[in-house]
C-alpha atoms as a PDB file:
ATOM      1  CA  MET A   1      79.272 122.521 169.199  1.00  0.00           C
ATOM      2  CA  GLY A   2      75.207 121.671 169.032  1.00  0.00           C
ATOM      3  CA  GLU A   3      73.438 119.155 170.841  1.00  0.00           C
ATOM      4  CA  GLN A   4      73.198 116.025 169.597  1.00  0.00           C
ATOM      5  CA  VAL A   5      69.236 115.451 168.934  1.00  0.00           C
ATOM      6  CA  ARG A   6      67.562 112.045 168.262  1.00  0.00           C
ATOM      7  CA  LEU A   7      64.830 110.984 165.977  1.00  0.00           C
ATOM      8  CA  GLY A   8      60.876 111.089 166.748  1.00  0.00           C
ATOM      9  CA  PRO A   9      60.606 107.859 169.268  1.00  0.00           C
ATOM     10  CA  LYS A  10      57.989 107.112 166.403  1.00  0.00           C
ATOM     11  CA  ILE A  11      60.220 106.224 163.747  1.00  0.00           C
ATOM     12  CA  LYS A  12      60.690 103.062 165.551  1.00  0.00           C
ATOM     13  CA  ILE A  13      56.840 102.244 164.704  1.00  0.00           C
ATOM     14  CA  ALA A  14      57.654 102.632 160.735  1.00  0.00           C
ATOM     15  CA  TRP A  15      61.048 100.815 161.031  1.00  0.00           C
ATOM     16  CA  LEU A  16      59.591  98.281 162.851  1.00  0.00           C
ATOM     17  CA  ALA A  17      56.284  98.356 160.565  1.00  0.00           C
ATOM     18  CA  PRO A  18      57.443  95.336 157.846  1.00  0.00           C
ATOM     19  CA  SER A  19      59.232  93.523 160.113  1.00  0.00           C
ATOM     20  CA  ALA A  20      56.202  92.608 161.486  1.00  0.00           C
ATOM     21  CA  ALA A  21      54.053  92.799 158.798  1.00  0.00           C
ATOM     22  CA  ALA A  22      56.346  89.590 157.672  1.00  0.00           C
ATOM     23  CA  ILE A  23      55.758  87.944 161.227  1.00  0.00           C
ATOM     24  CA  ALA A  24      52.186  88.069 160.706  1.00  0.00           C
ATOM     25  CA  VAL A  25      52.199  86.922 157.396  1.00  0.00           C
ATOM     26  CA  ILE A  26      54.358  83.677 158.264  1.00  0.00           C
ATOM     27  CA  TRP A  27      52.100  83.088 161.430  1.00  0.00           C
ATOM     28  CA  LEU A  28      48.533  82.964 159.181  1.00  0.00           C
ATOM     29  CA  ILE A  29      49.875  80.669 156.945  1.00  0.00           C
ATOM     30  CA  LEU A  30      51.706  78.514 159.856  1.00  0.00           C
ATOM     31  CA  SER A  31      48.040  78.895 161.050  1.00  0.00           C
ATOM     32  CA  ALA A  32      45.759  77.615 158.579  1.00  0.00           C
ATOM     33  CA  GLY A  33      48.255  74.866 157.711  1.00  0.00           C
ATOM     34  CA  ILE A  34      48.150  73.727 161.037  1.00  0.00           C
ATOM     35  CA  VAL A  35      44.441  73.956 162.298  1.00  0.00           C
ATOM     36  CA  GLY A  36      42.512  73.718 158.590  1.00  0.00           C
ATOM     37  CA  LEU A  37      44.749  71.132 156.374  1.00  0.00           C
ATOM     38  CA  SER A  38      46.298  68.409 158.693  1.00  0.00           C
ATOM     39  CA  ALA A  39      44.176  66.445 160.417  1.00  0.00           C
ATOM     40  CA  GLN A  40      47.164  65.652 163.551  1.00  0.00           C
ATOM     41  CA  GLU A  41      44.960  66.628 166.952  1.00  0.00           C
ATOM     42  CA  LYS A  42      48.084  67.269 168.898  1.00  0.00           C
ATOM     43  CA  TYR A  43      51.764  68.531 167.916  1.00  0.00           C
ATOM     44  CA  PHE A  44      54.196  68.952 170.769  1.00  0.00           C
ATOM     45  CA  GLY A  45      51.510  68.447 173.411  1.00  0.00           C
ATOM     46  CA  ILE A  46      49.457  71.655 172.318  1.00  0.00           C
ATOM     47  CA  ASP A  47      45.747  70.899 171.667  1.00  0.00           C
ATOM     48  CA  LYS A  48      45.845  72.022 167.744  1.00  0.00           C
ATOM     49  CA  GLU A  49      43.363  74.739 168.849  1.00  0.00           C
ATOM     50  CA  PHE A  50      45.998  76.043 170.691  1.00  0.00           C
ATOM     51  CA  MET A  51      48.642  75.768 167.741  1.00  0.00           C
ATOM     52  CA  PRO A  52      47.846  79.321 166.363  1.00  0.00           C
ATOM     53  CA  ILE A  53      48.617  81.250 170.020  1.00  0.00           C
ATOM     54  CA  ALA A  54      51.692  79.248 170.578  1.00  0.00           C
ATOM     55  CA  LEU A  55      52.885  80.351 167.061  1.00  0.00           C
ATOM     56  CA  LEU A  56      52.109  83.587 168.097  1.00  0.00           C
ATOM     57  CA  PHE A  57      54.626  82.754 170.713  1.00  0.00           C
ATOM     58  CA  ALA A  58      57.129  81.370 169.046  1.00  0.00           C
ATOM     59  CA  LEU A  59      57.181  83.954 166.254  1.00  0.00           C
ATOM     60  CA  VAL A  60      57.502  87.040 168.892  1.00  0.00           C
ATOM     61  CA  ALA A  61      59.937  85.393 170.749  1.00  0.00           C
ATOM     62  CA  SER A  62      62.695  84.027 167.421  1.00  0.00           C
ATOM     63  CA  LEU A  63      61.597  86.909 165.335  1.00  0.00           C
ATOM     64  CA  GLY A  64      59.857  89.754 166.835  1.00  0.00           C
ATOM     65  CA  ILE A  65      62.751  90.199 169.492  1.00  0.00           C
ATOM     66  CA  PRO A  66      65.815  90.044 167.471  1.00  0.00           C
ATOM     67  CA  VAL A  67      64.074  92.765 165.262  1.00  0.00           C
ATOM     68  CA  TYR A  68      62.940  95.087 167.668  1.00  0.00           C
ATOM     69  CA  ALA A  69      66.258  94.856 169.882  1.00  0.00           C
ATOM     70  CA  PHE A  70      67.769  95.766 166.085  1.00  0.00           C
ATOM     71  CA  ILE A  71      65.594  98.394 165.760  1.00  0.00           C
ATOM     72  CA  HIS A  72      65.851 100.048 169.299  1.00  0.00           C
ATOM     73  CA  LEU A  73      69.658  99.974 168.998  1.00  0.00           C
ATOM     74  CA  SER A  74      69.409 101.580 165.417  1.00  0.00           C
ATOM     75  CA  TYR A  75      67.363 104.499 166.859  1.00  0.00           C
ATOM     76  CA  ILE A  76      69.325 104.586 170.413  1.00  0.00           C
ATOM     77  CA  ASN A  77      72.713 105.357 167.809  1.00  0.00           C
ATOM     78  CA  PHE A  78      71.335 107.608 165.063  1.00  0.00           C
ATOM     79  CA  THR A  79      71.665 111.273 166.116  1.00  0.00           C
ATOM     80  CA  TYR A  80      72.015 114.842 164.322  1.00  0.00           C
ATOM     81  CA  GLU A  81      73.522 117.801 165.117  1.00  0.00           C
ATOM     82  CA  LEU A  82      73.661 120.771 163.676  1.00  0.00           C
ATOM     83  CA  ALA A  83      77.112 122.328 164.753  1.00  0.00           C
ATOM     84  CA  GLU A  84      78.175 126.113 163.986  1.00  0.00           C
ATOM     85  CA  THR A  85      79.421 125.023 160.086  1.00  0.00           C
ATOM     86  CA  GLU A  86      77.891 122.353 159.615  1.00  0.00           C
ATOM     87  CA  LEU A  87      75.287 119.308 159.888  1.00  0.00           C
ATOM     88  CA  ILE A  88      76.581 116.346 161.308  1.00  0.00           C
ATOM     89  CA  ILE A  89      74.591 113.028 161.036  1.00  0.00           C
ATOM     90  CA  ARG A  90      75.819 109.982 162.972  1.00  0.00           C
ATOM     91  CA  GLN A  91      74.719 106.138 163.047  1.00  0.00           C
ATOM     92  CA  GLY A  92      75.669 102.655 162.892  1.00  0.00           C
ATOM     93  CA  ILE A  93      75.549 100.174 165.898  1.00  0.00           C
ATOM     94  CA  LEU A  94      78.172  97.783 164.567  1.00  0.00           C
ATOM     95  CA  THR A  95      79.999 100.148 162.542  1.00  0.00           C
ATOM     96  CA  ARG A  96      79.441 103.315 163.450  1.00  0.00           C
ATOM     97  CA  LYS A  97      79.167 105.893 160.243  1.00  0.00           C
ATOM     98  CA  THR A  98      79.474 109.630 160.283  1.00  0.00           C
ATOM     99  CA  ILE A  99      77.719 112.999 157.465  1.00  0.00           C
ATOM    100  CA  VAL A 100      79.286 116.231 157.591  1.00  0.00           C
ATOM    101  CA  ILE A 101      77.713 118.142 155.555  1.00  0.00           C
ATOM    102  CA  PRO A 102      78.540 122.269 155.926  1.00  0.00           C
ATOM    103  CA  TYR A 103      76.620 124.704 155.826  1.00  0.00           C
ATOM    104  CA  VAL A 104      77.233 126.376 152.689  1.00  0.00           C
ATOM    105  CA  ARG A 105      77.342 123.303 150.414  1.00  0.00           C
ATOM    106  CA  ILE A 106      72.953 122.040 151.360  1.00  0.00           C
ATOM    107  CA  GLN A 107      71.525 123.453 148.053  1.00  0.00           C
ATOM    108  CA  ASN A 108      67.684 122.401 149.030  1.00  0.00           C
ATOM    109  CA  ILE A 109      66.035 119.899 151.902  1.00  0.00           C
ATOM    110  CA  ASN A 110      62.677 117.754 150.100  1.00  0.00           C
ATOM    111  CA  SER A 111      60.566 115.939 152.478  1.00  0.00           C
ATOM    112  CA  GLU A 112      59.334 112.440 151.873  1.00  0.00           C
ATOM    113  CA  ARG A 113      56.285 110.740 153.641  1.00  0.00           C
ATOM    114  CA  THR A 114      54.981 107.551 153.178  1.00  0.00           C
ATOM    115  CA  VAL A 115      51.515 106.883 153.999  1.00  0.00           C
ATOM    116  CA  LEU A 116      52.510 105.919 157.980  1.00  0.00           C
ATOM    117  CA  GLU A 117      54.928 109.028 158.381  1.00  0.00           C
ATOM    118  CA  ARG A 118      51.639 110.244 157.551  1.00  0.00           C
ATOM    119  CA  LEU A 119      49.542 108.539 160.199  1.00  0.00           C
ATOM    120  CA  LEU A 120      52.230 109.150 162.382  1.00  0.00           C
ATOM    121  CA  GLY A 121      53.043 112.091 161.696  1.00  0.00           C
ATOM    122  CA  LEU A 122      56.939 112.138 161.130  1.00  0.00           C
ATOM    123  CA  ALA A 123      59.101 112.549 157.775  1.00  0.00           C
ATOM    124  CA  THR A 124      62.162 111.922 156.057  1.00  0.00           C
ATOM    125  CA  LEU A 125      64.092 114.826 154.821  1.00  0.00           C
ATOM    126  CA  ALA A 126      66.720 114.962 152.175  1.00  0.00           C
ATOM    127  CA  ILE A 127      69.495 117.010 152.113  1.00  0.00           C
ATOM    128  CA  GLU A 128      70.927 117.926 148.461  1.00  0.00           C
ATOM    129  CA  THR A 129      74.104 119.062 147.874  1.00  0.00           C
ATOM    130  CA  ALA A 130      76.864 120.915 145.769  1.00  0.00           C
ATOM    131  CA  GLY A 131      78.234 118.004 142.952  1.00  0.00           C
ATOM    132  CA  THR A 132      75.053 116.033 143.760  1.00  0.00           C
ATOM    133  CA  ASN A 133      73.009 114.944 140.796  1.00  0.00           C
ATOM    134  CA  VAL A 134      69.480 116.255 140.278  1.00  0.00           C
ATOM    135  CA  GLY A 135      67.256 114.070 142.453  1.00  0.00           C
ATOM    136  CA  GLU A 136      69.482 112.890 144.500  1.00  0.00           C
ATOM    137  CA  SER A 137      70.548 113.558 148.616  1.00  0.00           C
ATOM    138  CA  GLU A 138      74.169 113.815 150.540  1.00  0.00           C
ATOM    139  CA  ALA A 139      71.942 112.061 153.467  1.00  0.00           C
ATOM    140  CA  LEU A 140      68.191 111.693 154.826  1.00  0.00           C
ATOM    141  CA  LEU A 141      67.192 112.149 158.167  1.00  0.00           C
ATOM    142  CA  PRO A 142      64.499 110.009 159.185  1.00  0.00           C
ATOM    143  CA  GLY A 143      61.645 110.603 161.994  1.00  0.00           C
ATOM    144  CA  ILE A 144      61.278 114.483 162.137  1.00  0.00           C
ATOM    145  CA  SER A 145      58.161 115.242 163.820  1.00  0.00           C
ATOM    146  CA  ASN A 146      58.611 119.741 163.485  1.00  0.00           C
ATOM    147  CA  ARG A 147      59.634 119.148 159.972  1.00  0.00           C
ATOM    148  CA  TYR A 148      59.012 122.826 158.945  1.00  0.00           C
ATOM    149  CA  GLU A 149      60.318 124.441 161.592  1.00  0.00           C
ATOM    150  CA  LEU A 150      63.803 122.090 160.913  1.00  0.00           C
ATOM    151  CA  ILE A 151      63.843 122.739 157.446  1.00  0.00           C
ATOM    152  CA  ASN A 152      63.588 126.816 157.923  1.00  0.00           C
ATOM    153  CA  HIS A 153      66.096 126.914 160.617  1.00  0.00           C
ATOM    154  CA  ILE A 154      69.005 124.656 158.303  1.00  0.00           C
ATOM    155  CA  LEU A 155      68.258 126.648 155.246  1.00  0.00           C
ATOM    156  CA  ALA A 156      68.274 129.977 156.938  1.00  0.00           C
ATOM    157  CA  LEU A 157      72.476 128.673 158.479  1.00  0.00           C
ATOM    158  CA  ALA A 158      72.850 127.762 154.569  1.00  0.00           C
ATOM    159  CA  ALA A 159      72.784 131.453 153.566  1.00  0.00           C
ATOM    160  CA  GLU A 160      74.181 132.710 156.639  1.00  0.00           C
ATOM    161  CA  ALA A 161      77.105 130.501 155.844  1.00  0.00           C
ATOM    162  CA  LYS A 162      76.921 131.026 152.036  1.00  0.00           C
ATOM    163  CA  GLN A 163      76.673 135.547 152.786  1.00  0.00           C
ATOM    164  CA  THR A 164      79.659 135.085 155.281  1.00  0.00           C
ATOM    165  CA  GLY A 165      81.889 131.850 154.595  1.00  0.00           C
ATOM    166  CA  SER A 166      83.197 130.006 156.510  1.00  0.00           C
ATOM    167  CA  PRO A 167      87.115 130.435 156.974  1.00  0.00           C
ATOM    168  CA  GLU A 168      87.490 126.487 154.815  1.00  0.00           C
ATOM    169  CA  SER A 169      85.413 127.773 152.283  1.00  0.00           C
ATOM    170  CA  ARG A 170      87.402 130.794 152.075  1.00  0.00           C
ATOM    171  CA  ALA A 171      90.961 128.996 152.260  1.00  0.00           C
ATOM    172  CA  THR A 172      89.856 127.120 149.526  1.00  0.00           C
ATOM    173  CA  ASP A 173      88.312 130.204 147.344  1.00  0.00           C
ATOM    174  CA  GLN A 174      92.250 131.608 148.154  1.00  0.00           C
ATOM    175  CA  ARG A 175      93.789 128.543 147.016  1.00  0.00           C
ATOM    176  CA  GLY A 176      91.497 128.439 143.374  1.00  0.00           C
ATOM    177  CA  GLN A 177      91.857 131.810 142.894  1.00  0.00           C
ATOM    178  CA  VAL A 178      95.943 131.202 143.042  1.00  0.00           C
ATOM    179  CA  SER A 179      95.714 128.378 141.317  1.00  0.00           C
ATOM    180  CA  ARG A 180      93.917 129.708 138.918  1.00  0.00           C
ATOM    181  CA  ASP A 181      96.879 133.247 138.956  1.00  0.00           C
ATOM    182  CA  VAL A 182      99.575 130.550 138.432  1.00  0.00           C
ATOM    183  CA  LEU A 183      97.526 128.623 135.152  1.00  0.00           C
ATOM    184  CA  PHE A 184      97.612 131.969 134.086  1.00  0.00           C
ATOM    185  CA  GLN A 185     100.234 132.731 134.015  1.00  0.00           C
ATOM    186  CA  GLU A 186     101.851 129.595 132.913  1.00  0.00           C
ATOM    187  CA  MET A 187      99.997 130.245 129.768  1.00  0.00           C
ATOM    188  CA  LEU A 188     100.832 133.475 129.112  1.00  0.00           C
ATOM    189  CA  GLY A 189     104.494 132.494 128.928  1.00  0.00           C
ATOM    190  CA  GLN A 190     104.277 129.707 127.134  1.00  0.00           C
ATOM    191  CA  LEU A 191     102.341 131.763 124.680  1.00  0.00           C
ATOM    192  CA  VAL A 192     105.429 134.061 124.801  1.00  0.00           C
ATOM    193  CA  GLN A 193     107.571 131.478 123.794  1.00  0.00           C
ATOM    194  CA  LEU A 194     105.116 130.896 121.230  1.00  0.00           C
ATOM    195  CA  ASN A 195     105.268 134.074 119.265  1.00  0.00           C
ATOM    196  CA  LYS A 196     108.548 135.061 119.946  1.00  0.00           C
ATOM    197  CA  GLY A 197     109.314 130.982 117.968  1.00  0.00           C
ATOM    198  CA  MET A 198     106.665 132.278 114.980  1.00  0.00           C
ATOM    199  CA  ILE A 199     108.828 135.508 115.030  1.00  0.00           C
ATOM    200  CA  ALA A 200     112.351 134.224 115.028  1.00  0.00           C
ATOM    201  CA  ALA A 201     111.380 131.002 112.226  1.00  0.00           C
ATOM    202  CA  SER A 202     110.126 134.108 110.089  1.00  0.00           C
ATOM    203  CA  THR A 203     113.142 136.046 110.046  1.00  0.00           C
ATOM    204  CA  ARG A 204     114.806 132.987 109.091  1.00  0.00           C
ATOM    205  CA  GLU A 205     112.491 132.862 106.147  1.00  0.00           C
ATOM    206  CA  ILE A 206     113.422 136.253 105.020  1.00  0.00           C
ATOM    207  CA  ALA A 207     116.970 135.828 105.774  1.00  0.00           C
ATOM    208  CA  ARG A 208     116.581 132.295 103.644  1.00  0.00           C
ATOM    209  CA  ASP A 209     115.004 133.871 100.651  1.00  0.00           C
ATOM    210  CA  ALA A 210     117.763 137.228 100.735  1.00  0.00           C
ATOM    211  CA  LEU A 211     120.309 134.897 100.401  1.00  0.00           C
ATOM    212  CA  SER A 212     118.400 132.770  97.256  1.00  0.00           C
ATOM    213  CA  LYS A 213     118.145 136.055  95.888  1.00  0.00           C
ATOM    214  CA  GLU A 214     122.051 136.815  95.963  1.00  0.00           C
ATOM    215  CA  MET A 215     123.942 133.653  95.174  1.00  0.00           C
ATOM    216  CA  LEU A 216     121.004 134.007  91.530  1.00  0.00           C
ATOM    217  CA  ALA A 217     122.695 137.174  91.423  1.00  0.00           C
ATOM    218  CA  GLU A 218     125.734 135.925  90.743  1.00  0.00           C
ATOM    219  CA  LEU A 219     125.605 133.002  89.613  1.00  0.00           C
ATOM    220  CA  ARG A 220     124.431 134.853  86.751  1.00  0.00           C
ATOM    221  CA  ARG A 221     126.971 137.552  86.834  1.00  0.00           C
ATOM    222  CA  ILE A 222     129.339 134.310  86.728  1.00  0.00           C
ATOM    223  CA  SER A 223     127.773 132.613  83.564  1.00  0.00           C
ATOM    224  CA  GLY A 224     128.087 135.527  81.740  1.00  0.00           C
ATOM    225  CA  ALA A 225     131.440 137.107  82.718  1.00  0.00           C
ATOM    226  CA  ALA A 226     132.417 133.195  81.347  1.00  0.00           C
ATOM    227  CA  ASN A 227     130.615 133.634  77.702  1.00  0.00           C
ATOM    228  CA  GLY A 228     132.423 136.646  77.246  1.00  0.00           C
ATOM    229  CA  ASN A 229     132.141 140.245  75.970  1.00  0.00           C
ATOM    230  CA  GLY A 230     129.650 140.828  78.916  1.00  0.00           C
ATOM    231  CA  GLY A 231     127.923 137.307  78.276  1.00  0.00           C
ATOM    232  CA  LYS A 232     127.328 138.216  74.437  1.00  0.00           C
ATOM    233  CA  LYS A 233     126.939 134.685  72.956  1.00  0.00           C
ATOM    234  CA  PRO A 234     130.352 134.017  70.836  1.00  0.00           C
ATOM    235  CA  GLN A 235     131.201 133.693  67.648  1.00  0.00           C
ATOM    236  CA  GLU A 236     130.180 130.265  65.846  1.00  0.00           C
ATOM    237  CA  ARG A 237     132.813 128.669  63.858  1.00  0.00           C
ATOM    238  CA  SER A 238     132.411 125.816  61.286  1.00  0.00           C
ATOM    239  CA  ILE A 239     135.242 123.275  60.195  1.00  0.00           C
ATOM    240  CA  VAL A 240     135.021 121.820  56.806  1.00  0.00           C
ATOM    241  CA  SER A 241     136.975 121.116  54.228  1.00  0.00           C
ATOM    242  CA  GLY A 242     136.799 120.062  50.301  1.00  0.00           C
ATOM    243  CA  ALA A 243     134.877 121.696  48.515  1.00  0.00           C
ATOM    244  CA  ASN A 244     132.575 124.053  50.641  1.00  0.00           C
ATOM    245  CA  SER A 245     135.827 125.284  52.793  1.00  0.00           C
ATOM    246  CA  PRO A 246     136.644 128.470  51.657  1.00  0.00           C
ATOM    247  CA  LYS A 247     139.201 129.905  48.930  1.00  0.00           C
ATOM    248  CA  MET A 248     142.425 130.735  49.611  1.00  0.00           C
ATOM    249  CA  LYS A 249     145.402 131.782  47.978  1.00  0.00           C
ATOM    250  CA  ASP A 250     147.697 129.099  46.334  1.00  0.00           C
ATOM    251  CA  GLU A 251     151.074 129.874  47.850  1.00  0.00           C
ATOM    252  CA  ARG A 252     153.152 128.383  44.069  1.00  0.00           C
ATOM    253  CA  THR A 253     150.731 130.554  41.369  1.00  0.00           C
ATOM    254  CA  GLY A 254     149.045 132.732  43.289  1.00  0.00           C
ATOM    255  CA  ALA A 255     146.146 130.945  42.034  1.00  0.00           C
ATOM    256  CA  PRO A 256     143.396 130.548  44.658  1.00  0.00           C
ATOM    257  CA  GLY A 257     142.699 127.478  46.013  1.00  0.00           C
ATOM    258  CA  ALA A 258     140.740 124.859  48.936  1.00  0.00           C
ATOM    259  CA  MET A 259     142.006 125.549  52.620  1.00  0.00           C
ATOM    260  CA  GLY A 260     143.342 122.802  54.035  1.00  0.00           C
ATOM    261  CA  SER A 261     145.318 121.986  50.762  1.00  0.00           C
ATOM    262  CA  VAL A 262     149.396 121.275  50.954  1.00  0.00           C
ATOM    263  CA  PRO A 263     151.007 123.624  48.521  1.00  0.00           C
ATOM    264  CA  HIS A 264     153.128 122.485  45.519  1.00  0.00           C
ATOM    265  CA  LYS A 265     156.876 122.379  45.051  1.00  0.00           C
ATOM    266  CA  PRO A 266     158.121 122.755  41.282  1.00  0.00           C
ATOM    267  CA  ILE A 267     159.769 119.906  39.704  1.00  0.00           C
ATOM    268  CA  GLU A 268     163.190 119.993  39.500  1.00  0.00           C
ATOM    269  CA  PRO A 269     164.448 118.859  35.555  1.00  0.00           C
ATOM    270  CA  ALA A 270     166.947 115.612  36.747  1.00  0.00           C
ATOM    271  CA  ARG A 271     170.198 115.057  35.834  1.00  0.00           C
ATOM    272  CA  LYS A 272     171.589 112.992  33.186  1.00  0.00           C
ATOM    273  CA  GLY A 273     173.538 110.591  33.455  1.00  0.00           C
ATOM    274  CA  GLY A 274     172.791 109.964  36.688  1.00  0.00           C
ATOM    275  CA  ALA A 275     174.217 111.136  40.246  1.00  0.00           C
ATOM    276  CA  GLY A 276     177.672 109.455  39.329  1.00  0.00           C
ATOM    277  CA  SER A 277     178.127 110.303  35.601  1.00  0.00           C
ATOM    278  CA  LYS A 278     180.696 113.044  34.336  1.00  0.00           C
ATOM    279  CA  GLU A 279     179.890 115.570  32.098  1.00  0.00           C
ATOM    280  CA  LYS A 280     181.527 115.544  29.212  1.00  0.00           C
END
């Protein structure tokens, strides 16, 4: 484990400067209002000429001291540590916040400096990691006085970690490789099953076509046998009567007659005297 390092002490001035400027503006406004615009000679038993000093002490006691106490607590609770495989940043007073950044994830470190930080010889380091958007940082390290030395040291640790690889990163890579192999095997199995299904469907389609052709040929054969003569057309017959019917010979006379006509029987001569008469 590395040693926990605090920020440069001048960072407290940079953090206190905005609050001090706000207190100064409030003091100037109140002093101008009391001294220049008010006709009252005394306030709370204090002469008007001494009121700006009294206001300054009052603002420092009511606002300045609490703000400074908060900044001091923030300073002593803000530390960073260069561990063996990761950068650890701890901060917070009531709520502690710990940021752990593995060296293998560090991509770039930017140095940012305000006007006040330049005057104080400080800089803020913005650490960019893999997975963050361009221009965004994973964590900030303010109040760094030896910025070039610290940037080079962290980047050297990151490069070494990427070459050798930490145990966590190696385990992660192995799990990722196993997951990719399993996924590839599943995809390959699905492709094989799909290919088998397509082959089976094609085979069934070919079998249906062959069966349809056999059934069609059988139907043609049965239809030809039903028509007779190996499929030849039967002779047509027409049933006609009367004068258009073919001529046939009369059974009695031998003369040709109409087809379907009733043959005439010979008419016997009638006997004289009827049926009950006697011959003389």
